[in-house]
Amino acid sequence: MRTVKILCRSLLASYLISALLLTGLAFALFTMKISPSSVSGGVYAIYGISCFLGGLAAGKSTGSRKFFWGLLSGLLYFLLLALMSFLLSSGLEQDTQRLAAVLAVCAFCGMAGGMLG
């Protein structure tokens, strides 16, 4: 039960960080002329930063098997992201490569954050 609370808190922190950073990216896109490829890279970076910090929080809170809890935090972040995308757009319209890249970024960054936690 304790680990469920820890994972919920790390996911909440990850999504709050994502919301703040994505708002900043949207503001930058609105005020500056940013290329679409830069925006795509920025979104990947935001996913990575959010999962890293969520994994860091999960790793610090659990105390043991930190890499596992960080990895799990990153995977849950990705699963919720994919589920919301699926529900809001009536299916996952992204190509498989892009989906796999986001999964890899979320999993790796969450695990890295957990190991450092």
PDB file of N, CA and C in Angstrom:
ATOM      1  N   MET A   1       0.824  -1.203   0.000  1.00  0.00           N
ATOM      2  CA  MET A   1       0.000   0.000   0.000  1.00  0.00           C
ATOM      3  C   MET A   1       0.868   1.268   0.000  1.00  0.00           C
ATOM      4  N   ARG A   2       1.993   1.185   0.731  1.00  0.00           N
ATOM      5  CA  ARG A   2       2.888   2.330   0.795  1.00  0.00           C
ATOM      6  C   ARG A   2       3.460   2.643  -0.587  1.00  0.00           C
ATOM      7  N   THR A   3       3.805   1.603  -1.346  1.00  0.00           N
ATOM      8  CA  THR A   3       4.395   1.836  -2.667  1.00  0.00           C
ATOM      9  C   THR A   3       3.381   2.404  -3.648  1.00  0.00           C
ATOM     10  N   VAL A   4       2.109   2.060  -3.482  1.00  0.00           N
ATOM     11  CA  VAL A   4       1.073   2.630  -4.345  1.00  0.00           C
ATOM     12  C   VAL A   4       0.987   4.134  -4.118  1.00  0.00           C
ATOM     13  N   LYS A   5       1.054   4.553  -2.856  1.00  0.00           N
ATOM     14  CA  LYS A   5       1.032   5.987  -2.545  1.00  0.00           C
ATOM     15  C   LYS A   5       2.253   6.686  -3.132  1.00  0.00           C
ATOM     16  N   ILE A   6       3.401   6.024  -3.013  1.00  0.00           N
ATOM     17  CA  ILE A   6       4.635   6.611  -3.545  1.00  0.00           C
ATOM     18  C   ILE A   6       4.537   6.780  -5.060  1.00  0.00           C
ATOM     19  N   LEU A   7       4.051   5.754  -5.745  1.00  0.00           N
ATOM     20  CA  LEU A   7       3.913   5.839  -7.206  1.00  0.00           C
ATOM     21  C   LEU A   7       2.891   6.894  -7.607  1.00  0.00           C
ATOM     22  N   CYS A   8       1.791   6.980  -6.891  1.00  0.00           N
ATOM     23  CA  CYS A   8       0.781   8.004  -7.203  1.00  0.00           C
ATOM     24  C   CYS A   8       1.361   9.405  -7.023  1.00  0.00           C
ATOM     25  N   ARG A   9       2.130   9.600  -5.948  1.00  0.00           N
ATOM     26  CA  ARG A   9       2.748  10.915  -5.730  1.00  0.00           C
ATOM     27  C   ARG A   9       3.779  11.238  -6.806  1.00  0.00           C
ATOM     28  N   SER A  10       4.567  10.239  -7.203  1.00  0.00           N
ATOM     29  CA  SER A  10       5.577  10.508  -8.233  1.00  0.00           C
ATOM     30  C   SER A  10       4.915  10.798  -9.575  1.00  0.00           C
ATOM     31  N   LEU A  11       3.818  10.099  -9.879  1.00  0.00           N
ATOM     32  CA  LEU A  11       3.100  10.370 -11.131  1.00  0.00           C
ATOM     33  C   LEU A  11       2.451  11.744 -11.116  1.00  0.00           C
ATOM     34  N   LEU A  12       1.876  12.104  -9.984  1.00  0.00           N
ATOM     35  CA  LEU A  12       1.279  13.440  -9.861  1.00  0.00           C
ATOM     36  C   LEU A  12       2.344  14.511 -10.063  1.00  0.00           C
ATOM     37  N   ALA A  13       3.493  14.320  -9.437  1.00  0.00           N
ATOM     38  CA  ALA A  13       4.587  15.286  -9.601  1.00  0.00           C
ATOM     39  C   ALA A  13       5.029  15.346 -11.063  1.00  0.00           C
ATOM     40  N   SER A  14       5.142  14.192 -11.705  1.00  0.00           N
ATOM     41  CA  SER A  14       5.558  14.151 -13.111  1.00  0.00           C
ATOM     42  C   SER A  14       4.582  14.908 -14.004  1.00  0.00           C
ATOM     43  N   TYR A  15       3.303  14.687 -13.787  1.00  0.00           N
ATOM     44  CA  TYR A  15       2.309  15.355 -14.637  1.00  0.00           C
ATOM     45  C   TYR A  15       2.211  16.849 -14.347  1.00  0.00           C
ATOM     46  N   LEU A  16       2.419  17.253 -13.108  1.00  0.00           N
ATOM     47  CA  LEU A  16       2.434  18.686 -12.809  1.00  0.00           C
ATOM     48  C   LEU A  16       3.628  19.365 -13.473  1.00  0.00           C
ATOM     49  N   ILE A  17       4.784  18.709 -13.412  1.00  0.00           N
ATOM     50  CA  ILE A  17       5.973  19.249 -14.074  1.00  0.00           C
ATOM     51  C   ILE A  17       5.747  19.316 -15.582  1.00  0.00           C
ATOM     52  N   SER A  18       5.142  18.274 -16.141  1.00  0.00           N
ATOM     53  CA  SER A  18       4.838  18.266 -17.578  1.00  0.00           C
ATOM     54  C   SER A  18       3.924  19.427 -17.943  1.00  0.00           C
ATOM     55  N   ALA A  19       2.904  19.639 -17.133  1.00  0.00           N
ATOM     56  CA  ALA A  19       1.955  20.717 -17.416  1.00  0.00           C
ATOM     57  C   ALA A  19       2.649  22.073 -17.414  1.00  0.00           C
ATOM     58  N   LEU A  20       3.508  22.292 -16.427  1.00  0.00           N
ATOM     59  CA  LEU A  20       4.221  23.570 -16.358  1.00  0.00           C
ATOM     60  C   LEU A  20       5.169  23.745 -17.542  1.00  0.00           C
ATOM     61  N   LEU A  21       5.931  22.707 -17.849  1.00  0.00           N
ATOM     62  CA  LEU A  21       6.886  22.817 -18.949  1.00  0.00           C
ATOM     63  C   LEU A  21       6.203  22.903 -20.310  1.00  0.00           C
ATOM     64  N   LEU A  22       5.116  22.165 -20.494  1.00  0.00           N
ATOM     65  CA  LEU A  22       4.389  22.251 -21.768  1.00  0.00           C
ATOM     66  C   LEU A  22       3.729  23.617 -21.941  1.00  0.00           C
ATOM     67  N   THR A  23       3.280  24.210 -20.836  1.00  0.00           N
ATOM     68  CA  THR A  23       2.735  25.567 -20.904  1.00  0.00           C
ATOM     69  C   THR A  23       3.827  26.544 -21.312  1.00  0.00           C
ATOM     70  N   GLY A  24       5.015  26.377 -20.751  1.00  0.00           N
ATOM     71  CA  GLY A  24       6.142  27.225 -21.136  1.00  0.00           C
ATOM     72  C   GLY A  24       6.522  27.045 -22.598  1.00  0.00           C
ATOM     73  N   LEU A  25       6.492  25.804 -23.071  1.00  0.00           N
ATOM     74  CA  LEU A  25       6.793  25.541 -24.478  1.00  0.00           C
ATOM     75  C   LEU A  25       5.731  26.158 -25.389  1.00  0.00           C
ATOM     76  N   ALA A  26       4.477  26.063 -24.997  1.00  0.00           N
ATOM     77  CA  ALA A  26       3.402  26.679 -25.786  1.00  0.00           C
ATOM     78  C   ALA A  26       3.560  28.195 -25.828  1.00  0.00           C
ATOM     79  N   PHE A  27       3.951  28.782 -24.706  1.00  0.00           N
ATOM     80  CA  PHE A  27       4.168  30.223 -24.672  1.00  0.00           C
ATOM     81  C   PHE A  27       5.333  30.608 -25.583  1.00  0.00           C
ATOM     82  N   ALA A  28       6.408  29.815 -25.533  1.00  0.00           N
ATOM     83  CA  ALA A  28       7.555  30.083 -26.406  1.00  0.00           C
ATOM     84  C   ALA A  28       7.167  29.941 -27.869  1.00  0.00           C
ATOM     85  N   LEU A  29       6.361  28.966 -28.176  1.00  0.00           N
ATOM     86  CA  LEU A  29       5.892  28.766 -29.548  1.00  0.00           C
ATOM     87  C   LEU A  29       5.028  29.938 -29.996  1.00  0.00           C
ATOM     88  N   PHE A  30       4.229  30.455 -29.083  1.00  0.00           N
ATOM     89  CA  PHE A  30       3.339  31.576 -29.384  1.00  0.00           C
ATOM     90  C   PHE A  30       4.112  32.870 -29.606  1.00  0.00           C
ATOM     91  N   THR A  31       5.135  33.100 -28.794  1.00  0.00           N
ATOM     92  CA  THR A  31       5.853  34.379 -28.865  1.00  0.00           C
ATOM     93  C   THR A  31       7.008  34.378 -29.860  1.00  0.00           C
ATOM     94  N   MET A  32       7.603  33.207 -30.114  1.00  0.00           N
ATOM     95  CA  MET A  32       8.740  33.119 -31.028  1.00  0.00           C
ATOM     96  C   MET A  32       8.370  32.237 -32.213  1.00  0.00           C
ATOM     97  N   LYS A  33       9.111  32.379 -33.242  1.00  0.00           N
ATOM     98  CA  LYS A  33       8.908  31.524 -34.411  1.00  0.00           C
ATOM     99  C   LYS A  33       9.780  30.278 -34.250  1.00  0.00           C
ATOM    100  N   ILE A  34       9.196  29.242 -33.696  1.00  0.00           N
ATOM    101  CA  ILE A  34       9.933  27.997 -33.452  1.00  0.00           C
ATOM    102  C   ILE A  34       9.509  26.976 -34.497  1.00  0.00           C
ATOM    103  N   SER A  35      10.479  26.250 -35.028  1.00  0.00           N
ATOM    104  CA  SER A  35      10.175  25.244 -36.042  1.00  0.00           C
ATOM    105  C   SER A  35       9.473  24.040 -35.410  1.00  0.00           C
ATOM    106  N   PRO A  36       8.632  23.377 -36.190  1.00  0.00           N
ATOM    107  CA  PRO A  36       7.928  22.200 -35.663  1.00  0.00           C
ATOM    108  C   PRO A  36       8.864  21.095 -35.166  1.00  0.00           C
ATOM    109  N   SER A  37      10.025  20.941 -35.780  1.00  0.00           N
ATOM    110  CA  SER A  37      10.962  19.920 -35.315  1.00  0.00           C
ATOM    111  C   SER A  37      11.513  20.265 -33.938  1.00  0.00           C
ATOM    112  N   SER A  38      11.697  21.537 -33.660  1.00  0.00           N
ATOM    113  CA  SER A  38      12.142  21.967 -32.333  1.00  0.00           C
ATOM    114  C   SER A  38      11.072  21.709 -31.297  1.00  0.00           C
ATOM    115  N   VAL A  39       9.820  21.916 -31.670  1.00  0.00           N
ATOM    116  CA  VAL A  39       8.721  21.671 -30.746  1.00  0.00           C
ATOM    117  C   VAL A  39       8.648  20.188 -30.414  1.00  0.00           C
ATOM    118  N   SER A  40       8.806  19.340 -31.424  1.00  0.00           N
ATOM    119  CA  SER A  40       8.780  17.899 -31.200  1.00  0.00           C
ATOM    120  C   SER A  40       9.914  17.480 -30.266  1.00  0.00           C
ATOM    121  N   GLY A  41      11.096  18.009 -30.486  1.00  0.00           N
ATOM    122  CA  GLY A  41      12.222  17.722 -29.603  1.00  0.00           C
ATOM    123  C   GLY A  41      11.983  18.232 -28.198  1.00  0.00           C
ATOM    124  N   GLY A  42      11.344  19.391 -28.089  1.00  0.00           N
ATOM    125  CA  GLY A  42      11.016  19.949 -26.779  1.00  0.00           C
ATOM    126  C   GLY A  42      10.031  19.081 -26.016  1.00  0.00           C
ATOM    127  N   VAL A  43       9.070  18.523 -26.728  1.00  0.00           N
ATOM    128  CA  VAL A  43       8.087  17.649 -26.081  1.00  0.00           C
ATOM    129  C   VAL A  43       8.769  16.384 -25.567  1.00  0.00           C
ATOM    130  N   TYR A  44       9.659  15.797 -26.369  1.00  0.00           N
ATOM    131  CA  TYR A  44      10.410  14.624 -25.909  1.00  0.00           C
ATOM    132  C   TYR A  44      11.251  14.963 -24.675  1.00  0.00           C
ATOM    133  N   ALA A  45      11.886  16.139 -24.699  1.00  0.00           N
ATOM    134  CA  ALA A  45      12.692  16.566 -23.556  1.00  0.00           C
ATOM    135  C   ALA A  45      11.828  16.743 -22.310  1.00  0.00           C
ATOM    136  N   ILE A  46      10.639  17.301 -22.481  1.00  0.00           N
ATOM    137  CA  ILE A  46       9.728  17.492 -21.356  1.00  0.00           C
ATOM    138  C   ILE A  46       9.296  16.141 -20.783  1.00  0.00           C
ATOM    139  N   TYR A  47       8.989  15.192 -21.651  1.00  0.00           N
ATOM    140  CA  TYR A  47       8.660  13.850 -21.171  1.00  0.00           C
ATOM    141  C   TYR A  47       9.826  13.267 -20.371  1.00  0.00           C
ATOM    142  N   GLY A  48      11.031  13.432 -20.888  1.00  0.00           N
ATOM    143  CA  GLY A  48      12.208  12.902 -20.209  1.00  0.00           C
ATOM    144  C   GLY A  48      12.450  13.552 -18.861  1.00  0.00           C
ATOM    145  N   ILE A  49      12.371  14.868 -18.807  1.00  0.00           N
ATOM    146  CA  ILE A  49      12.572  15.593 -17.551  1.00  0.00           C
ATOM    147  C   ILE A  49      11.510  15.193 -16.530  1.00  0.00           C
ATOM    148  N   SER A  50      10.272  15.113 -16.970  1.00  0.00           N
ATOM    149  CA  SER A  50       9.172  14.765 -16.065  1.00  0.00           C
ATOM    150  C   SER A  50       9.337  13.356 -15.516  1.00  0.00           C
ATOM    151  N   CYS A  51       9.679  12.414 -16.378  1.00  0.00           N
ATOM    152  CA  CYS A  51       9.863  11.028 -15.926  1.00  0.00           C
ATOM    153  C   CYS A  51      11.097  10.901 -15.039  1.00  0.00           C
ATOM    154  N   PHE A  52      12.153  11.635 -15.363  1.00  0.00           N
ATOM    155  CA  PHE A  52      13.350  11.610 -14.531  1.00  0.00           C
ATOM    156  C   PHE A  52      13.027  12.090 -13.121  1.00  0.00           C
ATOM    157  N   LEU A  53      12.336  13.216 -13.016  1.00  0.00           N
ATOM    158  CA  LEU A  53      12.012  13.757 -11.693  1.00  0.00           C
ATOM    159  C   LEU A  53      11.011  12.877 -10.950  1.00  0.00           C
ATOM    160  N   GLY A  54      10.060  12.279 -11.679  1.00  0.00           N
ATOM    161  CA  GLY A  54       9.139  11.336 -11.043  1.00  0.00           C
ATOM    162  C   GLY A  54       9.867  10.096 -10.548  1.00  0.00           C
ATOM    163  N   GLY A  55      10.805   9.586 -11.339  1.00  0.00           N
ATOM    164  CA  GLY A  55      11.608   8.444 -10.923  1.00  0.00           C
ATOM    165  C   GLY A  55      12.500   8.787  -9.743  1.00  0.00           C
ATOM    166  N   LEU A  56      13.029   9.996  -9.732  1.00  0.00           N
ATOM    167  CA  LEU A  56      13.842  10.472  -8.617  1.00  0.00           C
ATOM    168  C   LEU A  56      13.012  10.488  -7.331  1.00  0.00           C
ATOM    169  N   ALA A  57      11.797  10.999  -7.423  1.00  0.00           N
ATOM    170  CA  ALA A  57      10.913  11.038  -6.250  1.00  0.00           C
ATOM    171  C   ALA A  57      10.563   9.629  -5.785  1.00  0.00           C
ATOM    172  N   ALA A  58      10.269   8.747  -6.723  1.00  0.00           N
ATOM    173  CA  ALA A  58       9.927   7.370  -6.360  1.00  0.00           C
ATOM    174  C   ALA A  58      11.131   6.669  -5.740  1.00  0.00           C
ATOM    175  N   GLY A  59      12.312   6.852  -6.301  1.00  0.00           N
ATOM    176  CA  GLY A  59      13.515   6.221  -5.778  1.00  0.00           C
ATOM    177  C   GLY A  59      13.876   6.696  -4.388  1.00  0.00           C
ATOM    178  N   LYS A  60      13.747   8.010  -4.155  1.00  0.00           N
ATOM    179  CA  LYS A  60      14.054   8.552  -2.831  1.00  0.00           C
ATOM    180  C   LYS A  60      13.073   8.036  -1.790  1.00  0.00           C
ATOM    181  N   SER A  61      11.822   7.898  -2.170  1.00  0.00           N
ATOM    182  CA  SER A  61      10.796   7.501  -1.209  1.00  0.00           C
ATOM    183  C   SER A  61      10.824   6.022  -0.862  1.00  0.00           C
ATOM    184  N   THR A  62      11.219   5.173  -1.811  1.00  0.00           N
ATOM    185  CA  THR A  62      11.184   3.738  -1.547  1.00  0.00           C
ATOM    186  C   THR A  62      12.400   3.251  -0.786  1.00  0.00           C
ATOM    187  N   GLY A  63      13.580   3.734  -1.140  1.00  0.00           N
ATOM    188  CA  GLY A  63      14.783   3.352  -0.425  1.00  0.00           C
ATOM    189  C   GLY A  63      15.464   2.095  -0.937  1.00  0.00           C
ATOM    190  N   SER A  64      14.740   1.154  -1.504  1.00  0.00           N
ATOM    191  CA  SER A  64      15.367  -0.063  -2.036  1.00  0.00           C
ATOM    192  C   SER A  64      14.835  -0.322  -3.439  1.00  0.00           C
ATOM    193  N   ARG A  65      15.631  -1.007  -4.242  1.00  0.00           N
ATOM    194  CA  ARG A  65      15.299  -1.285  -5.650  1.00  0.00           C
ATOM    195  C   ARG A  65      14.851  -0.016  -6.371  1.00  0.00           C
ATOM    196  N   LYS A  66      15.618   1.022  -6.184  1.00  0.00           N
ATOM    197  CA  LYS A  66      15.259   2.346  -6.692  1.00  0.00           C
ATOM    198  C   LYS A  66      15.078   2.358  -8.202  1.00  0.00           C
ATOM    199  N   PHE A  67      15.966   1.654  -8.920  1.00  0.00           N
ATOM    200  CA  PHE A  67      15.864   1.642 -10.376  1.00  0.00           C
ATOM    201  C   PHE A  67      14.532   1.049 -10.819  1.00  0.00           C
ATOM    202  N   PHE A  68      14.061   0.014 -10.112  1.00  0.00           N
ATOM    203  CA  PHE A  68      12.794  -0.620 -10.463  1.00  0.00           C
ATOM    204  C   PHE A  68      11.629   0.342 -10.270  1.00  0.00           C
ATOM    205  N   TRP A  69      11.603   1.039  -9.155  1.00  0.00           N
ATOM    206  CA  TRP A  69      10.499   1.960  -8.888  1.00  0.00           C
ATOM    207  C   TRP A  69      10.543   3.159  -9.820  1.00  0.00           C
ATOM    208  N   GLY A  70      11.740   3.606 -10.182  1.00  0.00           N
ATOM    209  CA  GLY A  70      11.868   4.673 -11.170  1.00  0.00           C
ATOM    210  C   GLY A  70      11.384   4.220 -12.534  1.00  0.00           C
ATOM    211  N   LEU A  71      11.784   3.000 -12.926  1.00  0.00           N
ATOM    212  CA  LEU A  71      11.330   2.426 -14.195  1.00  0.00           C
ATOM    213  C   LEU A  71       9.816   2.287 -14.207  1.00  0.00           C
ATOM    214  N   LEU A  72       9.260   1.777 -13.124  1.00  0.00           N
ATOM    215  CA  LEU A  72       7.803   1.610 -13.038  1.00  0.00           C
ATOM    216  C   LEU A  72       7.092   2.957 -13.119  1.00  0.00           C
ATOM    217  N   SER A  73       7.659   3.960 -12.482  1.00  0.00           N
ATOM    218  CA  SER A  73       7.075   5.299 -12.547  1.00  0.00           C
ATOM    219  C   SER A  73       7.069   5.821 -13.986  1.00  0.00           C
ATOM    220  N   GLY A  74       8.177   5.632 -14.701  1.00  0.00           N
ATOM    221  CA  GLY A  74       8.247   6.062 -16.106  1.00  0.00           C
ATOM    222  C   GLY A  74       7.279   5.293 -16.990  1.00  0.00           C
ATOM    223  N   LEU A  75       7.162   3.987 -16.763  1.00  0.00           N
ATOM    224  CA  LEU A  75       6.229   3.178 -17.559  1.00  0.00           C
ATOM    225  C   LEU A  75       4.775   3.557 -17.290  1.00  0.00           C
ATOM    226  N   LEU A  76       4.453   3.816 -16.028  1.00  0.00           N
ATOM    227  CA  LEU A  76       3.080   4.234 -15.711  1.00  0.00           C
ATOM    228  C   LEU A  76       2.771   5.601 -16.307  1.00  0.00           C
ATOM    229  N   TYR A  77       3.764   6.485 -16.301  1.00  0.00           N
ATOM    230  CA  TYR A  77       3.601   7.799 -16.940  1.00  0.00           C
ATOM    231  C   TYR A  77       3.241   7.604 -18.412  1.00  0.00           C
ATOM    232  N   PHE A  78       4.025   6.736 -19.097  1.00  0.00           N
ATOM    233  CA  PHE A  78       3.766   6.471 -20.511  1.00  0.00           C
ATOM    234  C   PHE A  78       2.384   5.851 -20.717  1.00  0.00           C
ATOM    235  N   LEU A  79       2.016   4.866 -19.891  1.00  0.00           N
ATOM    236  CA  LEU A  79       0.726   4.201 -20.060  1.00  0.00           C
ATOM    237  C   LEU A  79      -0.441   5.169 -19.888  1.00  0.00           C
ATOM    238  N   LEU A  80      -0.354   6.043 -18.888  1.00  0.00           N
ATOM    239  CA  LEU A  80      -1.421   7.035 -18.711  1.00  0.00           C
ATOM    240  C   LEU A  80      -1.458   8.022 -19.868  1.00  0.00           C
ATOM    241  N   LEU A  81      -0.285   8.409 -20.345  1.00  0.00           N
ATOM    242  CA  LEU A  81      -0.198   9.317 -21.487  1.00  0.00           C
ATOM    243  C   LEU A  81      -0.808   8.684 -22.731  1.00  0.00           C
ATOM    244  N   ALA A  82      -0.473   7.420 -22.989  1.00  0.00           N
ATOM    245  CA  ALA A  82      -1.005   6.703 -24.153  1.00  0.00           C
ATOM    246  C   ALA A  82      -2.512   6.490 -24.012  1.00  0.00           C
ATOM    247  N   LEU A  83      -2.965   6.159 -22.814  1.00  0.00           N
ATOM    248  CA  LEU A  83      -4.399   5.953 -22.585  1.00  0.00           C
ATOM    249  C   LEU A  83      -5.187   7.236 -22.828  1.00  0.00           C
ATOM    250  N   MET A  84      -4.692   8.344 -22.297  1.00  0.00           N
ATOM    251  CA  MET A  84      -5.391   9.618 -22.501  1.00  0.00           C
ATOM    252  C   MET A  84      -5.378  10.017 -23.979  1.00  0.00           C
ATOM    253  N   SER A  85      -4.280   9.786 -24.653  1.00  0.00           N
ATOM    254  CA  SER A  85      -4.199  10.075 -26.083  1.00  0.00           C
ATOM    255  C   SER A  85      -5.191   9.212 -26.854  1.00  0.00           C
ATOM    256  N   PHE A  86      -5.271   7.954 -26.489  1.00  0.00           N
ATOM    257  CA  PHE A  86      -6.202   7.029 -27.133  1.00  0.00           C
ATOM    258  C   PHE A  86      -7.647   7.465 -26.917  1.00  0.00           C
ATOM    259  N   LEU A  87      -7.992   7.835 -25.685  1.00  0.00           N
ATOM    260  CA  LEU A  87      -9.374   8.224 -25.366  1.00  0.00           C
ATOM    261  C   LEU A  87      -9.762   9.556 -25.996  1.00  0.00           C
ATOM    262  N   LEU A  88      -8.837  10.494 -26.024  1.00  0.00           N
ATOM    263  CA  LEU A  88      -9.158  11.825 -26.538  1.00  0.00           C
ATOM    264  C   LEU A  88      -9.153  11.913 -28.060  1.00  0.00           C
ATOM    265  N   SER A  89      -8.416  11.017 -28.719  1.00  0.00           N
ATOM    266  CA  SER A  89      -8.345  11.110 -30.170  1.00  0.00           C
ATOM    267  C   SER A  89      -8.970   9.907 -30.868  1.00  0.00           C
ATOM    268  N   SER A  90      -9.709   9.108 -30.144  1.00  0.00           N
ATOM    269  CA  SER A  90     -10.377   7.917 -30.706  1.00  0.00           C
ATOM    270  C   SER A  90      -9.391   6.965 -31.362  1.00  0.00           C
ATOM    271  N   GLY A  91      -8.261   6.780 -30.733  1.00  0.00           N
ATOM    272  CA  GLY A  91      -7.261   5.843 -31.235  1.00  0.00           C
ATOM    273  C   GLY A  91      -5.887   6.464 -31.242  1.00  0.00           C
ATOM    274  N   LEU A  92      -4.883   5.625 -31.258  1.00  0.00           N
ATOM    275  CA  LEU A  92      -3.510   6.110 -31.323  1.00  0.00           C
ATOM    276  C   LEU A  92      -3.130   6.283 -32.787  1.00  0.00           C
ATOM    277  N   GLU A  93      -3.100   7.526 -33.234  1.00  0.00           N
ATOM    278  CA  GLU A  93      -2.826   7.804 -34.636  1.00  0.00           C
ATOM    279  C   GLU A  93      -1.337   7.978 -34.915  1.00  0.00           C
ATOM    280  N   GLN A  94      -0.533   7.963 -33.866  1.00  0.00           N
ATOM    281  CA  GLN A  94       0.901   8.122 -34.074  1.00  0.00           C
ATOM    282  C   GLN A  94       1.479   6.832 -34.633  1.00  0.00           C
ATOM    283  N   ASP A  95       2.564   6.970 -35.346  1.00  0.00           N
ATOM    284  CA  ASP A  95       3.213   5.777 -35.865  1.00  0.00           C
ATOM    285  C   ASP A  95       3.901   5.014 -34.737  1.00  0.00           C
ATOM    286  N   THR A  96       4.199   3.776 -35.008  1.00  0.00           N
ATOM    287  CA  THR A  96       4.763   2.890 -34.001  1.00  0.00           C
ATOM    288  C   THR A  96       6.147   3.341 -33.560  1.00  0.00           C
ATOM    289  N   GLN A  97       6.924   3.897 -34.481  1.00  0.00           N
ATOM    290  CA  GLN A  97       8.262   4.375 -34.134  1.00  0.00           C
ATOM    291  C   GLN A  97       8.204   5.490 -33.103  1.00  0.00           C
ATOM    292  N   ARG A  98       7.307   6.414 -33.296  1.00  0.00           N
ATOM    293  CA  ARG A  98       7.172   7.540 -32.375  1.00  0.00           C
ATOM    294  C   ARG A  98       6.707   7.054 -31.002  1.00  0.00           C
ATOM    295  N   LEU A  99       5.761   6.136 -31.007  1.00  0.00           N
ATOM    296  CA  LEU A  99       5.249   5.575 -29.760  1.00  0.00           C
ATOM    297  C   LEU A  99       6.356   4.832 -29.016  1.00  0.00           C
ATOM    298  N   ALA A 100       7.156   4.061 -29.748  1.00  0.00           N
ATOM    299  CA  ALA A 100       8.273   3.333 -29.139  1.00  0.00           C
ATOM    300  C   ALA A 100       9.327   4.299 -28.600  1.00  0.00           C
ATOM    301  N   ALA A 101       9.548   5.400 -29.293  1.00  0.00           N
ATOM    302  CA  ALA A 101      10.528   6.388 -28.834  1.00  0.00           C
ATOM    303  C   ALA A 101      10.077   7.030 -27.529  1.00  0.00           C
ATOM    304  N   VAL A 102       8.795   7.377 -27.441  1.00  0.00           N
ATOM    305  CA  VAL A 102       8.267   7.973 -26.210  1.00  0.00           C
ATOM    306  C   VAL A 102       8.344   6.968 -25.065  1.00  0.00           C
ATOM    307  N   LEU A 103       8.014   5.717 -25.350  1.00  0.00           N
ATOM    308  CA  LEU A 103       8.120   4.665 -24.325  1.00  0.00           C
ATOM    309  C   LEU A 103       9.554   4.548 -23.838  1.00  0.00           C
ATOM    310  N   ALA A 104      10.511   4.539 -24.748  1.00  0.00           N
ATOM    311  CA  ALA A 104      11.920   4.413 -24.371  1.00  0.00           C
ATOM    312  C   ALA A 104      12.384   5.605 -23.539  1.00  0.00           C
ATOM    313  N   VAL A 105      11.997   6.806 -23.937  1.00  0.00           N
ATOM    314  CA  VAL A 105      12.382   8.010 -23.191  1.00  0.00           C
ATOM    315  C   VAL A 105      11.806   7.958 -21.779  1.00  0.00           C
ATOM    316  N   CYS A 106      10.532   7.639 -21.665  1.00  0.00           N
ATOM    317  CA  CYS A 106       9.878   7.601 -20.349  1.00  0.00           C
ATOM    318  C   CYS A 106      10.498   6.526 -19.457  1.00  0.00           C
ATOM    319  N   ALA A 107      10.709   5.337 -20.003  1.00  0.00           N
ATOM    320  CA  ALA A 107      11.254   4.234 -19.212  1.00  0.00           C
ATOM    321  C   ALA A 107      12.695   4.521 -18.783  1.00  0.00           C
ATOM    322  N   PHE A 108      13.533   4.955 -19.732  1.00  0.00           N
ATOM    323  CA  PHE A 108      14.934   5.198 -19.420  1.00  0.00           C
ATOM    324  C   PHE A 108      15.097   6.345 -18.424  1.00  0.00           C
ATOM    325  N   CYS A 109      14.407   7.440 -18.661  1.00  0.00           N
ATOM    326  CA  CYS A 109      14.555   8.600 -17.775  1.00  0.00           C
ATOM    327  C   CYS A 109      13.984   8.322 -16.385  1.00  0.00           C
ATOM    328  N   GLY A 110      12.882   7.588 -16.313  1.00  0.00           N
ATOM    329  CA  GLY A 110      12.338   7.205 -15.011  1.00  0.00           C
ATOM    330  C   GLY A 110      13.311   6.312 -14.254  1.00  0.00           C
ATOM    331  N   MET A 111      13.915   5.353 -14.949  1.00  0.00           N
ATOM    332  CA  MET A 111      14.879   4.456 -14.315  1.00  0.00           C
ATOM    333  C   MET A 111      16.125   5.224 -13.870  1.00  0.00           C
ATOM    334  N   ALA A 112      16.611   6.135 -14.705  1.00  0.00           N
ATOM    335  CA  ALA A 112      17.788   6.931 -14.353  1.00  0.00           C
ATOM    336  C   ALA A 112      17.494   7.783 -13.119  1.00  0.00           C
ATOM    337  N   GLY A 113      16.315   8.384 -13.081  1.00  0.00           N
ATOM    338  CA  GLY A 113      15.943   9.168 -11.906  1.00  0.00           C
ATOM    339  C   GLY A 113      15.841   8.308 -10.659  1.00  0.00           C
ATOM    340  N   GLY A 114      15.283   7.118 -10.807  1.00  0.00           N
ATOM    341  CA  GLY A 114      15.184   6.209  -9.670  1.00  0.00           C
ATOM    342  C   GLY A 114      16.552   5.800  -9.144  1.00  0.00           C
ATOM    343  N   MET A 115      17.496   5.541 -10.033  1.00  0.00           N
ATOM    344  CA  MET A 115      18.831   5.137  -9.603  1.00  0.00           C
ATOM    345  C   MET A 115      19.545   6.257  -8.851  1.00  0.00           C
ATOM    346  N   LEU A 116      19.288   7.491  -9.233  1.00  0.00           N
ATOM    347  CA  LEU A 116      19.926   8.620  -8.564  1.00  0.00           C
ATOM    348  C   LEU A 116      19.195   9.047  -7.297  1.00  0.00           C
ATOM    349  N   GLY A 117      17.977   8.527  -7.116  1.00  0.00           N
ATOM    350  CA  GLY A 117      17.142   8.923  -5.970  1.00  0.00           C
ATOM    351  C   GLY A 117      17.593   8.422  -4.650  1.00  0.00           C
TER     352      GLY A 117
END
